[in-house]
Amino acid sequence: MPRIIGLTGNIACGKTSVGRMLLELGAERYIDADVIVHQLYQKGLPIAQQVAENFGVGVLASDGSVDRKALGAIVFHNPNALAELERIVHPAVRGALLDELKRVSASSIVIIDAVKLLEGASGVLCHSKWLVVCSQEQEIARLMVRNQLSADEARIRVEAQPDTSSKLVLVDEVINNSGSLAETHGQVAAAFDRFCRKFPV
């Protein structure tokens, strides 16, 4: 099993930026759980079919894949619907992650980026769990740009996320991404050095 750092944090907090920094510092592989979900949502795949069965054909795009914006409009307004979606998706994501990890050498350092790292089953795979945080207003602003959402749409999605304060005791490192990239990079480099010393090859 490779050495694994799990990155988590609420939507648009900057996990991808931290992941890029870790690759620059020497990590060999970056696995984004959100990309895996996107792949699972493609036309004809079992997860896409289950999502359509549970939430209606209105969540499917014209090409038969899951329309994530339409699905988000349902689940981010309804905690029960969000929980049901996670029940469908989490086991499949874990299976895909395990398949990815089988293709990585045991001496490698792998990054797993997952919003639901602690709530799902992915966290148990990680040697070290890192929480990336920033202010809620920064999350909203970044989400508006990234996903081309209105301020109201972005706020609804951000406010549907769990409070990160409850996660502080569950992680090994906290990266505050509220400042400049240079400030974030300094924190990431220090945390990566601690990780490498704790889990040498």
N, C-alpha and C. Protein backbone atom coordinates (compact mmCIF):
# COMPACT_ATOMS: atom_id res chain seq x y z
N MET A 1 0.85 -1.20 0.00
CA MET A 1 0.00 0.00 0.00
C MET A 1 0.89 1.25 0.00
N PRO A 2 0.65 2.21 -0.89
CA PRO A 2 1.43 3.45 -0.86
C PRO A 2 1.10 4.27 0.38
N ARG A 3 1.94 5.25 0.65
CA ARG A 3 1.66 6.20 1.73
C ARG A 3 0.62 7.19 1.22
N ILE A 4 -0.45 7.38 1.99
CA ILE A 4 -1.59 8.15 1.47
C ILE A 4 -1.91 9.34 2.37
N ILE A 5 -2.02 10.51 1.75
CA ILE A 5 -2.51 11.72 2.41
C ILE A 5 -3.93 11.96 1.91
N GLY A 6 -4.86 12.06 2.83
CA GLY A 6 -6.24 12.38 2.46
C GLY A 6 -6.50 13.86 2.65
N LEU A 7 -6.94 14.52 1.60
CA LEU A 7 -7.30 15.94 1.67
C LEU A 7 -8.81 16.07 1.74
N THR A 8 -9.29 16.82 2.71
CA THR A 8 -10.72 17.08 2.76
C THR A 8 -10.97 18.54 3.13
N GLY A 9 -12.22 18.90 3.13
CA GLY A 9 -12.61 20.28 3.35
C GLY A 9 -13.84 20.57 2.53
N ASN A 10 -14.54 21.61 2.88
CA ASN A 10 -15.79 21.91 2.19
C ASN A 10 -15.55 22.34 0.75
N ILE A 11 -16.61 22.36 0.00
CA ILE A 11 -16.57 22.70 -1.41
C ILE A 11 -15.89 24.05 -1.64
N ALA A 12 -15.01 24.11 -2.63
CA ALA A 12 -14.33 25.35 -3.05
C ALA A 12 -13.42 25.95 -1.98
N CYS A 13 -12.90 25.10 -1.09
CA CYS A 13 -11.98 25.61 -0.06
C CYS A 13 -10.54 25.67 -0.55
N GLY A 14 -10.24 24.99 -1.68
CA GLY A 14 -8.89 25.03 -2.22
C GLY A 14 -8.13 23.72 -2.13
N LYS A 15 -8.83 22.60 -2.04
CA LYS A 15 -8.16 21.30 -1.95
C LYS A 15 -7.31 21.01 -3.18
N THR A 16 -7.83 21.37 -4.34
CA THR A 16 -7.09 21.11 -5.58
C THR A 16 -5.77 21.88 -5.60
N SER A 17 -5.79 23.12 -5.14
CA SER A 17 -4.56 23.93 -5.08
C SER A 17 -3.55 23.28 -4.14
N VAL A 18 -4.02 22.80 -3.00
CA VAL A 18 -3.13 22.13 -2.05
C VAL A 18 -2.59 20.84 -2.67
N GLY A 19 -3.44 20.11 -3.38
CA GLY A 19 -2.99 18.90 -4.05
C GLY A 19 -1.90 19.16 -5.06
N ARG A 20 -2.03 20.24 -5.83
CA ARG A 20 -0.99 20.60 -6.80
C ARG A 20 0.32 20.91 -6.09
N MET A 21 0.24 21.60 -4.98
CA MET A 21 1.45 21.92 -4.21
C MET A 21 2.14 20.65 -3.73
N LEU A 22 1.35 19.68 -3.29
CA LEU A 22 1.92 18.42 -2.82
C LEU A 22 2.61 17.66 -3.95
N LEU A 23 2.06 17.73 -5.15
CA LEU A 23 2.72 17.09 -6.30
C LEU A 23 4.05 17.78 -6.58
N GLU A 24 4.08 19.10 -6.47
CA GLU A 24 5.33 19.84 -6.69
C GLU A 24 6.37 19.49 -5.63
N LEU A 25 5.89 19.15 -4.42
CA LEU A 25 6.80 18.85 -3.32
C LEU A 25 7.30 17.41 -3.34
N GLY A 26 6.70 16.56 -4.17
CA GLY A 26 7.21 15.20 -4.27
C GLY A 26 6.20 14.07 -4.24
N ALA A 27 4.92 14.37 -4.00
CA ALA A 27 3.91 13.32 -4.09
C ALA A 27 3.81 12.85 -5.54
N GLU A 28 3.57 11.56 -5.74
CA GLU A 28 3.59 11.00 -7.10
C GLU A 28 2.22 10.93 -7.77
N ARG A 29 1.15 10.87 -7.00
CA ARG A 29 -0.16 10.64 -7.63
C ARG A 29 -1.22 11.45 -6.90
N TYR A 30 -2.12 12.04 -7.67
CA TYR A 30 -3.24 12.82 -7.12
C TYR A 30 -4.53 12.21 -7.62
N ILE A 31 -5.37 11.75 -6.71
CA ILE A 31 -6.64 11.13 -7.08
C ILE A 31 -7.77 12.01 -6.54
N ASP A 32 -8.59 12.51 -7.45
CA ASP A 32 -9.69 13.41 -7.10
C ASP A 32 -10.98 12.60 -7.08
N ALA A 33 -11.58 12.45 -5.92
CA ALA A 33 -12.82 11.66 -5.81
C ALA A 33 -13.94 12.28 -6.64
N ASP A 34 -13.92 13.60 -6.82
CA ASP A 34 -14.95 14.26 -7.61
C ASP A 34 -14.84 13.85 -9.08
N VAL A 35 -13.62 13.68 -9.57
CA VAL A 35 -13.42 13.21 -10.94
C VAL A 35 -13.95 11.78 -11.09
N ILE A 36 -13.73 10.96 -10.07
CA ILE A 36 -14.24 9.59 -10.08
C ILE A 36 -15.76 9.60 -10.16
N VAL A 37 -16.39 10.46 -9.35
CA VAL A 37 -17.86 10.57 -9.38
C VAL A 37 -18.33 10.96 -10.78
N HIS A 38 -17.65 11.94 -11.38
CA HIS A 38 -18.01 12.38 -12.73
C HIS A 38 -17.95 11.20 -13.71
N GLN A 39 -16.93 10.36 -13.56
CA GLN A 39 -16.80 9.18 -14.44
C GLN A 39 -17.94 8.18 -14.19
N LEU A 40 -18.32 8.01 -12.92
CA LEU A 40 -19.39 7.09 -12.57
C LEU A 40 -20.75 7.55 -13.07
N TYR A 41 -20.88 8.85 -13.33
CA TYR A 41 -22.14 9.45 -13.78
C TYR A 41 -22.33 9.35 -15.30
N GLN A 42 -21.41 8.72 -16.02
CA GLN A 42 -21.53 8.65 -17.47
C GLN A 42 -22.68 7.71 -17.89
N LYS A 43 -23.20 7.97 -19.08
CA LYS A 43 -24.35 7.24 -19.62
C LYS A 43 -24.15 5.72 -19.55
N GLY A 44 -25.18 5.04 -19.06
CA GLY A 44 -25.19 3.59 -19.08
C GLY A 44 -24.52 2.91 -17.91
N LEU A 45 -23.78 3.67 -17.10
CA LEU A 45 -23.11 3.05 -15.96
C LEU A 45 -24.10 2.84 -14.81
N PRO A 46 -23.88 1.81 -13.97
CA PRO A 46 -24.84 1.48 -12.92
C PRO A 46 -25.18 2.64 -11.99
N ILE A 47 -24.18 3.46 -11.61
CA ILE A 47 -24.45 4.56 -10.68
C ILE A 47 -25.36 5.59 -11.34
N ALA A 48 -25.12 5.91 -12.60
CA ALA A 48 -25.98 6.87 -13.31
C ALA A 48 -27.41 6.35 -13.37
N GLN A 49 -27.56 5.07 -13.60
CA GLN A 49 -28.90 4.48 -13.65
C GLN A 49 -29.59 4.53 -12.29
N GLN A 50 -28.82 4.24 -11.23
CA GLN A 50 -29.39 4.30 -9.88
C GLN A 50 -29.81 5.72 -9.51
N VAL A 51 -28.98 6.68 -9.88
CA VAL A 51 -29.30 8.08 -9.58
C VAL A 51 -30.59 8.48 -10.29
N ALA A 52 -30.74 8.10 -11.55
CA ALA A 52 -31.96 8.42 -12.30
C ALA A 52 -33.18 7.74 -11.71
N GLU A 53 -33.00 6.50 -11.26
CA GLU A 53 -34.12 5.77 -10.65
C GLU A 53 -34.56 6.43 -9.34
N ASN A 54 -33.60 6.95 -8.58
CA ASN A 54 -33.92 7.54 -7.28
C ASN A 54 -34.39 8.98 -7.36
N PHE A 55 -33.88 9.74 -8.33
CA PHE A 55 -34.17 11.17 -8.38
C PHE A 55 -34.92 11.61 -9.63
N GLY A 56 -35.24 10.67 -10.51
CA GLY A 56 -36.02 10.99 -11.69
C GLY A 56 -35.15 11.26 -12.91
N VAL A 57 -35.74 11.03 -14.10
CA VAL A 57 -34.99 11.20 -15.34
C VAL A 57 -34.63 12.66 -15.60
N GLY A 58 -35.22 13.58 -14.83
CA GLY A 58 -34.89 15.00 -14.96
C GLY A 58 -33.46 15.32 -14.57
N VAL A 59 -32.78 14.39 -13.88
CA VAL A 59 -31.39 14.63 -13.50
C VAL A 59 -30.42 14.13 -14.57
N LEU A 60 -30.96 13.64 -15.69
CA LEU A 60 -30.11 13.18 -16.78
C LEU A 60 -29.99 14.26 -17.86
N ALA A 61 -28.80 14.42 -18.38
CA ALA A 61 -28.56 15.35 -19.48
C ALA A 61 -29.03 14.70 -20.79
N SER A 62 -28.99 15.47 -21.86
CA SER A 62 -29.47 14.96 -23.15
C SER A 62 -28.64 13.78 -23.66
N ASP A 63 -27.37 13.69 -23.21
CA ASP A 63 -26.52 12.58 -23.65
C ASP A 63 -26.65 11.33 -22.77
N GLY A 64 -27.54 11.39 -21.75
CA GLY A 64 -27.77 10.24 -20.90
C GLY A 64 -26.93 10.18 -19.65
N SER A 65 -25.95 11.08 -19.52
CA SER A 65 -25.15 11.15 -18.29
C SER A 65 -25.91 11.95 -17.24
N VAL A 66 -25.44 11.90 -16.01
CA VAL A 66 -26.08 12.66 -14.94
C VAL A 66 -25.74 14.14 -15.10
N ASP A 67 -26.76 14.97 -15.08
CA ASP A 67 -26.59 16.43 -15.11
C ASP A 67 -26.34 16.87 -13.67
N ARG A 68 -25.10 17.17 -13.34
CA ARG A 68 -24.74 17.43 -11.96
C ARG A 68 -25.40 18.70 -11.41
N LYS A 69 -25.63 19.67 -12.28
CA LYS A 69 -26.28 20.90 -11.83
C LYS A 69 -27.74 20.63 -11.46
N ALA A 70 -28.42 19.83 -12.28
CA ALA A 70 -29.82 19.48 -11.99
C ALA A 70 -29.91 18.63 -10.73
N LEU A 71 -28.97 17.69 -10.59
CA LEU A 71 -28.95 16.85 -9.39
C LEU A 71 -28.65 17.70 -8.15
N GLY A 72 -27.70 18.62 -8.28
CA GLY A 72 -27.36 19.50 -7.16
C GLY A 72 -28.52 20.35 -6.70
N ALA A 73 -29.35 20.78 -7.66
CA ALA A 73 -30.51 21.60 -7.30
C ALA A 73 -31.48 20.84 -6.40
N ILE A 74 -31.44 19.50 -6.49
CA ILE A 74 -32.31 18.68 -5.64
C ILE A 74 -31.64 18.40 -4.29
N VAL A 75 -30.43 17.86 -4.35
CA VAL A 75 -29.83 17.36 -3.11
C VAL A 75 -29.33 18.45 -2.18
N PHE A 76 -28.95 19.61 -2.72
CA PHE A 76 -28.45 20.66 -1.84
C PHE A 76 -29.57 21.45 -1.17
N HIS A 77 -30.83 21.14 -1.54
CA HIS A 77 -31.97 21.73 -0.86
C HIS A 77 -32.62 20.75 0.12
N ASN A 78 -32.14 19.50 0.11
CA ASN A 78 -32.81 18.46 0.87
C ASN A 78 -31.78 17.52 1.50
N PRO A 79 -31.55 17.64 2.81
CA PRO A 79 -30.55 16.79 3.47
C PRO A 79 -30.80 15.30 3.31
N ASN A 80 -32.08 14.90 3.28
CA ASN A 80 -32.39 13.47 3.11
C ASN A 80 -32.01 12.99 1.72
N ALA A 81 -32.24 13.84 0.72
CA ALA A 81 -31.87 13.49 -0.65
C ALA A 81 -30.36 13.41 -0.78
N LEU A 82 -29.64 14.32 -0.12
CA LEU A 82 -28.18 14.30 -0.15
C LEU A 82 -27.65 13.02 0.48
N ALA A 83 -28.25 12.62 1.60
CA ALA A 83 -27.84 11.38 2.28
C ALA A 83 -28.09 10.17 1.39
N GLU A 84 -29.20 10.18 0.67
CA GLU A 84 -29.52 9.07 -0.23
C GLU A 84 -28.52 9.01 -1.39
N LEU A 85 -28.14 10.15 -1.92
CA LEU A 85 -27.15 10.18 -2.99
C LEU A 85 -25.81 9.62 -2.50
N GLU A 86 -25.42 10.02 -1.31
CA GLU A 86 -24.16 9.54 -0.75
C GLU A 86 -24.20 8.03 -0.52
N ARG A 87 -25.35 7.51 -0.13
CA ARG A 87 -25.50 6.06 0.07
C ARG A 87 -25.25 5.31 -1.24
N ILE A 88 -25.68 5.91 -2.34
CA ILE A 88 -25.49 5.29 -3.65
C ILE A 88 -24.04 5.41 -4.12
N VAL A 89 -23.47 6.59 -3.94
CA VAL A 89 -22.19 6.90 -4.57
C VAL A 89 -20.96 6.45 -3.77
N HIS A 90 -20.98 6.60 -2.45
CA HIS A 90 -19.78 6.35 -1.65
C HIS A 90 -19.16 4.96 -1.85
N PRO A 91 -19.94 3.87 -1.83
CA PRO A 91 -19.31 2.56 -2.02
C PRO A 91 -18.62 2.42 -3.38
N ALA A 92 -19.22 3.00 -4.41
CA ALA A 92 -18.63 2.91 -5.75
C ALA A 92 -17.35 3.72 -5.83
N VAL A 93 -17.31 4.87 -5.17
CA VAL A 93 -16.11 5.69 -5.15
C VAL A 93 -14.98 4.95 -4.43
N ARG A 94 -15.30 4.33 -3.32
CA ARG A 94 -14.28 3.58 -2.58
C ARG A 94 -13.71 2.45 -3.45
N GLY A 95 -14.58 1.75 -4.16
CA GLY A 95 -14.11 0.67 -5.03
C GLY A 95 -13.19 1.18 -6.12
N ALA A 96 -13.54 2.33 -6.70
CA ALA A 96 -12.70 2.92 -7.75
C ALA A 96 -11.37 3.39 -7.18
N LEU A 97 -11.39 3.94 -5.97
CA LEU A 97 -10.15 4.37 -5.32
C LEU A 97 -9.21 3.18 -5.09
N LEU A 98 -9.76 2.09 -4.61
CA LEU A 98 -8.94 0.89 -4.36
C LEU A 98 -8.33 0.39 -5.67
N ASP A 99 -9.09 0.44 -6.75
CA ASP A 99 -8.55 0.03 -8.05
C ASP A 99 -7.39 0.93 -8.46
N GLU A 100 -7.54 2.24 -8.23
CA GLU A 100 -6.47 3.20 -8.56
C GLU A 100 -5.21 2.90 -7.74
N LEU A 101 -5.40 2.64 -6.46
CA LEU A 101 -4.26 2.43 -5.56
C LEU A 101 -3.49 1.16 -5.91
N LYS A 102 -4.16 0.17 -6.49
CA LYS A 102 -3.48 -1.06 -6.88
C LYS A 102 -2.45 -0.81 -7.98
N ARG A 103 -2.63 0.29 -8.70
CA ARG A 103 -1.74 0.60 -9.82
C ARG A 103 -0.58 1.52 -9.43
N VAL A 104 -0.44 1.78 -8.13
CA VAL A 104 0.60 2.69 -7.64
C VAL A 104 1.62 1.89 -6.82
N SER A 105 2.89 2.21 -6.97
CA SER A 105 3.93 1.48 -6.23
C SER A 105 3.83 1.75 -4.73
N ALA A 106 4.28 0.80 -3.94
CA ALA A 106 4.18 0.89 -2.49
C ALA A 106 5.03 2.01 -1.91
N SER A 107 6.04 2.44 -2.65
CA SER A 107 6.92 3.50 -2.14
C SER A 107 6.40 4.90 -2.46
N SER A 108 5.32 4.98 -3.21
CA SER A 108 4.79 6.28 -3.64
C SER A 108 4.03 6.99 -2.52
N ILE A 109 3.91 8.30 -2.67
CA ILE A 109 3.00 9.09 -1.84
C ILE A 109 1.83 9.49 -2.72
N VAL A 110 0.63 9.13 -2.28
CA VAL A 110 -0.59 9.37 -3.05
C VAL A 110 -1.48 10.36 -2.30
N ILE A 111 -2.10 11.26 -3.05
CA ILE A 111 -3.05 12.22 -2.48
C ILE A 111 -4.45 11.80 -2.88
N ILE A 112 -5.33 11.65 -1.91
CA ILE A 112 -6.75 11.43 -2.19
C ILE A 112 -7.50 12.69 -1.78
N ASP A 113 -8.15 13.33 -2.73
CA ASP A 113 -8.91 14.56 -2.51
C ASP A 113 -10.39 14.19 -2.48
N ALA A 114 -11.03 14.35 -1.31
CA ALA A 114 -12.44 13.96 -1.19
C ALA A 114 -13.16 14.84 -0.18
N VAL A 115 -14.24 15.48 -0.62
CA VAL A 115 -15.04 16.31 0.28
C VAL A 115 -15.54 15.47 1.45
N LYS A 116 -15.96 14.24 1.18
CA LYS A 116 -16.54 13.37 2.21
C LYS A 116 -15.53 12.31 2.70
N LEU A 117 -14.29 12.69 2.77
CA LEU A 117 -13.24 11.76 3.19
C LEU A 117 -13.54 11.18 4.58
N LEU A 118 -13.97 12.02 5.50
CA LEU A 118 -14.19 11.58 6.88
C LEU A 118 -15.54 10.90 7.05
N GLU A 119 -16.53 11.34 6.28
CA GLU A 119 -17.87 10.77 6.41
C GLU A 119 -18.00 9.45 5.64
N GLY A 120 -17.29 9.35 4.52
CA GLY A 120 -17.33 8.14 3.71
C GLY A 120 -16.33 7.12 4.21
N ALA A 121 -16.04 6.14 3.33
CA ALA A 121 -15.14 5.06 3.74
C ALA A 121 -13.70 5.30 3.29
N SER A 122 -13.44 6.43 2.65
CA SER A 122 -12.10 6.67 2.10
C SER A 122 -11.07 7.00 3.18
N GLY A 123 -11.51 7.59 4.27
CA GLY A 123 -10.60 8.05 5.31
C GLY A 123 -9.76 6.95 5.91
N VAL A 124 -10.31 5.74 6.00
CA VAL A 124 -9.59 4.63 6.63
C VAL A 124 -8.39 4.20 5.78
N LEU A 125 -8.36 4.60 4.52
CA LEU A 125 -7.24 4.25 3.65
C LEU A 125 -6.03 5.15 3.89
N CYS A 126 -6.23 6.28 4.57
CA CYS A 126 -5.21 7.32 4.65
C CYS A 126 -4.30 7.19 5.87
N HIS A 127 -3.01 7.42 5.65
CA HIS A 127 -2.07 7.47 6.75
C HIS A 127 -2.17 8.79 7.51
N SER A 128 -2.53 9.84 6.79
CA SER A 128 -2.66 11.17 7.39
C SER A 128 -3.82 11.90 6.72
N LYS A 129 -4.64 12.54 7.54
CA LYS A 129 -5.81 13.25 7.01
C LYS A 129 -5.62 14.76 7.23
N TRP A 130 -5.79 15.52 6.16
CA TRP A 130 -5.59 16.96 6.20
C TRP A 130 -6.89 17.68 5.89
N LEU A 131 -7.18 18.72 6.65
CA LEU A 131 -8.38 19.53 6.44
C LEU A 131 -7.97 20.89 5.89
N VAL A 132 -8.52 21.26 4.73
CA VAL A 132 -8.26 22.57 4.12
C VAL A 132 -9.45 23.47 4.45
N VAL A 133 -9.17 24.65 4.97
CA VAL A 133 -10.24 25.56 5.38
C VAL A 133 -10.02 26.96 4.80
N CYS A 134 -11.12 27.69 4.65
CA CYS A 134 -11.10 29.11 4.34
C CYS A 134 -12.44 29.66 4.79
N SER A 135 -12.65 30.95 4.65
CA SER A 135 -13.91 31.53 5.11
C SER A 135 -15.06 31.11 4.19
N GLN A 136 -16.26 31.12 4.73
CA GLN A 136 -17.44 30.75 3.94
C GLN A 136 -17.63 31.70 2.76
N GLU A 137 -17.36 32.98 2.97
CA GLU A 137 -17.52 33.94 1.87
C GLU A 137 -16.53 33.66 0.75
N GLN A 138 -15.32 33.22 1.10
CA GLN A 138 -14.35 32.83 0.07
C GLN A 138 -14.83 31.61 -0.70
N GLU A 139 -15.41 30.65 0.01
CA GLU A 139 -15.94 29.46 -0.65
C GLU A 139 -17.02 29.85 -1.65
N ILE A 140 -17.92 30.74 -1.24
CA ILE A 140 -19.01 31.17 -2.12
C ILE A 140 -18.46 31.86 -3.35
N ALA A 141 -17.53 32.78 -3.16
CA ALA A 141 -16.96 33.52 -4.29
C ALA A 141 -16.24 32.58 -5.26
N ARG A 142 -15.48 31.64 -4.72
CA ARG A 142 -14.75 30.71 -5.58
C ARG A 142 -15.70 29.77 -6.32
N LEU A 143 -16.76 29.35 -5.65
CA LEU A 143 -17.72 28.45 -6.26
C LEU A 143 -18.49 29.14 -7.38
N MET A 144 -18.81 30.40 -7.20
CA MET A 144 -19.49 31.17 -8.25
C MET A 144 -18.66 31.19 -9.52
N VAL A 145 -17.37 31.40 -9.37
CA VAL A 145 -16.48 31.46 -10.54
C VAL A 145 -16.29 30.08 -11.14
N ARG A 146 -16.00 29.11 -10.30
CA ARG A 146 -15.67 27.76 -10.78
C ARG A 146 -16.85 27.07 -11.46
N ASN A 147 -18.04 27.16 -10.85
CA ASN A 147 -19.20 26.43 -11.34
C ASN A 147 -20.20 27.31 -12.07
N GLN A 148 -19.86 28.59 -12.24
CA GLN A 148 -20.74 29.54 -12.92
C GLN A 148 -22.13 29.55 -12.29
N LEU A 149 -22.15 29.76 -10.97
CA LEU A 149 -23.40 29.80 -10.22
C LEU A 149 -23.69 31.22 -9.78
N SER A 150 -24.96 31.49 -9.51
CA SER A 150 -25.32 32.77 -8.92
C SER A 150 -24.89 32.77 -7.46
N ALA A 151 -24.91 33.94 -6.85
CA ALA A 151 -24.53 34.04 -5.43
C ALA A 151 -25.46 33.20 -4.57
N ASP A 152 -26.76 33.21 -4.89
CA ASP A 152 -27.73 32.43 -4.11
C ASP A 152 -27.50 30.94 -4.27
N GLU A 153 -27.25 30.50 -5.52
CA GLU A 153 -27.00 29.07 -5.77
C GLU A 153 -25.74 28.61 -5.04
N ALA A 154 -24.70 29.42 -5.10
CA ALA A 154 -23.44 29.06 -4.44
C ALA A 154 -23.62 29.01 -2.93
N ARG A 155 -24.35 29.99 -2.39
CA ARG A 155 -24.56 30.04 -0.93
C ARG A 155 -25.32 28.80 -0.44
N ILE A 156 -26.33 28.38 -1.19
CA ILE A 156 -27.11 27.21 -0.81
C ILE A 156 -26.21 25.97 -0.74
N ARG A 157 -25.33 25.83 -1.73
CA ARG A 157 -24.44 24.66 -1.74
C ARG A 157 -23.42 24.70 -0.61
N VAL A 158 -22.88 25.88 -0.37
CA VAL A 158 -21.88 26.02 0.70
C VAL A 158 -22.54 25.79 2.07
N GLU A 159 -23.72 26.33 2.27
CA GLU A 159 -24.39 26.19 3.56
C GLU A 159 -24.91 24.78 3.80
N ALA A 160 -25.00 23.97 2.73
CA ALA A 160 -25.40 22.57 2.89
C ALA A 160 -24.26 21.71 3.41
N GLN A 161 -23.03 22.26 3.39
CA GLN A 161 -21.86 21.53 3.86
C GLN A 161 -21.83 21.50 5.40
N PRO A 162 -21.25 20.46 5.97
CA PRO A 162 -21.15 20.40 7.44
C PRO A 162 -20.16 21.44 7.97
N ASP A 163 -20.35 21.83 9.20
CA ASP A 163 -19.43 22.77 9.86
C ASP A 163 -18.07 22.10 10.03
N THR A 164 -17.02 22.75 9.52
CA THR A 164 -15.70 22.13 9.58
C THR A 164 -15.13 22.06 11.00
N SER A 165 -15.65 22.85 11.92
CA SER A 165 -15.10 22.86 13.28
C SER A 165 -15.19 21.48 13.93
N SER A 166 -16.21 20.72 13.57
CA SER A 166 -16.38 19.38 14.16
C SER A 166 -15.34 18.40 13.63
N LYS A 167 -14.68 18.76 12.52
CA LYS A 167 -13.70 17.86 11.91
C LYS A 167 -12.29 18.06 12.45
N LEU A 168 -12.08 19.14 13.17
CA LEU A 168 -10.72 19.49 13.61
C LEU A 168 -10.07 18.37 14.42
N VAL A 169 -10.85 17.70 15.26
CA VAL A 169 -10.29 16.64 16.11
C VAL A 169 -10.09 15.33 15.34
N LEU A 170 -10.57 15.28 14.09
CA LEU A 170 -10.50 14.04 13.31
C LEU A 170 -9.36 14.03 12.31
N VAL A 171 -8.63 15.15 12.22
CA VAL A 171 -7.58 15.26 11.20
C VAL A 171 -6.21 15.46 11.84
N ASP A 172 -5.18 15.24 11.03
CA ASP A 172 -3.80 15.36 11.51
C ASP A 172 -3.19 16.72 11.20
N GLU A 173 -3.66 17.37 10.15
CA GLU A 173 -3.15 18.68 9.76
C GLU A 173 -4.31 19.57 9.32
N VAL A 174 -4.19 20.86 9.60
CA VAL A 174 -5.17 21.85 9.12
C VAL A 174 -4.41 22.88 8.28
N ILE A 175 -4.84 23.05 7.04
CA ILE A 175 -4.24 24.02 6.13
C ILE A 175 -5.22 25.18 5.96
N ASN A 176 -4.82 26.37 6.41
CA ASN A 176 -5.68 27.55 6.29
C ASN A 176 -5.40 28.20 4.94
N ASN A 177 -6.37 28.11 4.05
CA ASN A 177 -6.21 28.63 2.68
C ASN A 177 -6.93 29.97 2.51
N SER A 178 -6.99 30.75 3.57
CA SER A 178 -7.66 32.06 3.49
C SER A 178 -6.74 33.16 2.99
N GLY A 179 -5.43 32.93 3.08
CA GLY A 179 -4.47 33.97 2.71
C GLY A 179 -3.95 33.81 1.30
N SER A 180 -2.71 34.24 1.10
CA SER A 180 -2.08 34.16 -0.22
C SER A 180 -1.65 32.73 -0.52
N LEU A 181 -1.37 32.46 -1.81
CA LEU A 181 -0.87 31.15 -2.20
C LEU A 181 0.47 30.85 -1.53
N ALA A 182 1.29 31.89 -1.38
CA ALA A 182 2.59 31.71 -0.72
C ALA A 182 2.41 31.27 0.73
N GLU A 183 1.43 31.86 1.41
CA GLU A 183 1.16 31.48 2.81
C GLU A 183 0.66 30.04 2.89
N THR A 184 -0.22 29.70 1.97
CA THR A 184 -0.72 28.32 1.94
C THR A 184 0.41 27.34 1.64
N HIS A 185 1.26 27.70 0.68
CA HIS A 185 2.37 26.81 0.30
C HIS A 185 3.30 26.56 1.48
N GLY A 186 3.54 27.58 2.29
CA GLY A 186 4.40 27.42 3.45
C GLY A 186 3.84 26.40 4.43
N GLN A 187 2.52 26.46 4.65
CA GLN A 187 1.88 25.49 5.54
C GLN A 187 1.95 24.08 4.96
N VAL A 188 1.69 23.97 3.65
CA VAL A 188 1.69 22.66 3.00
C VAL A 188 3.08 22.04 3.04
N ALA A 189 4.10 22.84 2.76
CA ALA A 189 5.48 22.33 2.77
C ALA A 189 5.86 21.83 4.16
N ALA A 190 5.49 22.56 5.20
CA ALA A 190 5.82 22.14 6.57
C ALA A 190 5.08 20.86 6.94
N ALA A 191 3.80 20.77 6.56
CA ALA A 191 3.02 19.58 6.87
C ALA A 191 3.54 18.37 6.09
N PHE A 192 3.95 18.59 4.85
CA PHE A 192 4.48 17.49 4.02
C PHE A 192 5.80 16.98 4.60
N ASP A 193 6.61 17.89 5.10
CA ASP A 193 7.88 17.49 5.73
C ASP A 193 7.61 16.62 6.96
N ARG A 194 6.61 17.02 7.75
CA ARG A 194 6.25 16.22 8.93
C ARG A 194 5.77 14.83 8.51
N PHE A 195 4.97 14.78 7.44
CA PHE A 195 4.46 13.51 6.96
C PHE A 195 5.59 12.59 6.50
N CYS A 196 6.52 13.13 5.73
CA CYS A 196 7.62 12.33 5.18
C CYS A 196 8.51 11.79 6.31
N ARG A 197 8.68 12.58 7.36
CA ARG A 197 9.50 12.12 8.49
C ARG A 197 8.76 11.05 9.29
N LYS A 198 7.46 11.16 9.37
CA LYS A 198 6.67 10.19 10.14
C LYS A 198 6.48 8.89 9.37
N PHE A 199 6.39 9.00 8.04
CA PHE A 199 6.17 7.82 7.20
C PHE A 199 7.26 7.72 6.13
N PRO A 200 8.49 7.41 6.53
CA PRO A 200 9.59 7.29 5.57
C PRO A 200 9.41 6.04 4.70
N VAL A 201 10.10 6.04 3.57
CA VAL A 201 10.05 4.88 2.68
C VAL A 201 10.71 3.67 3.37
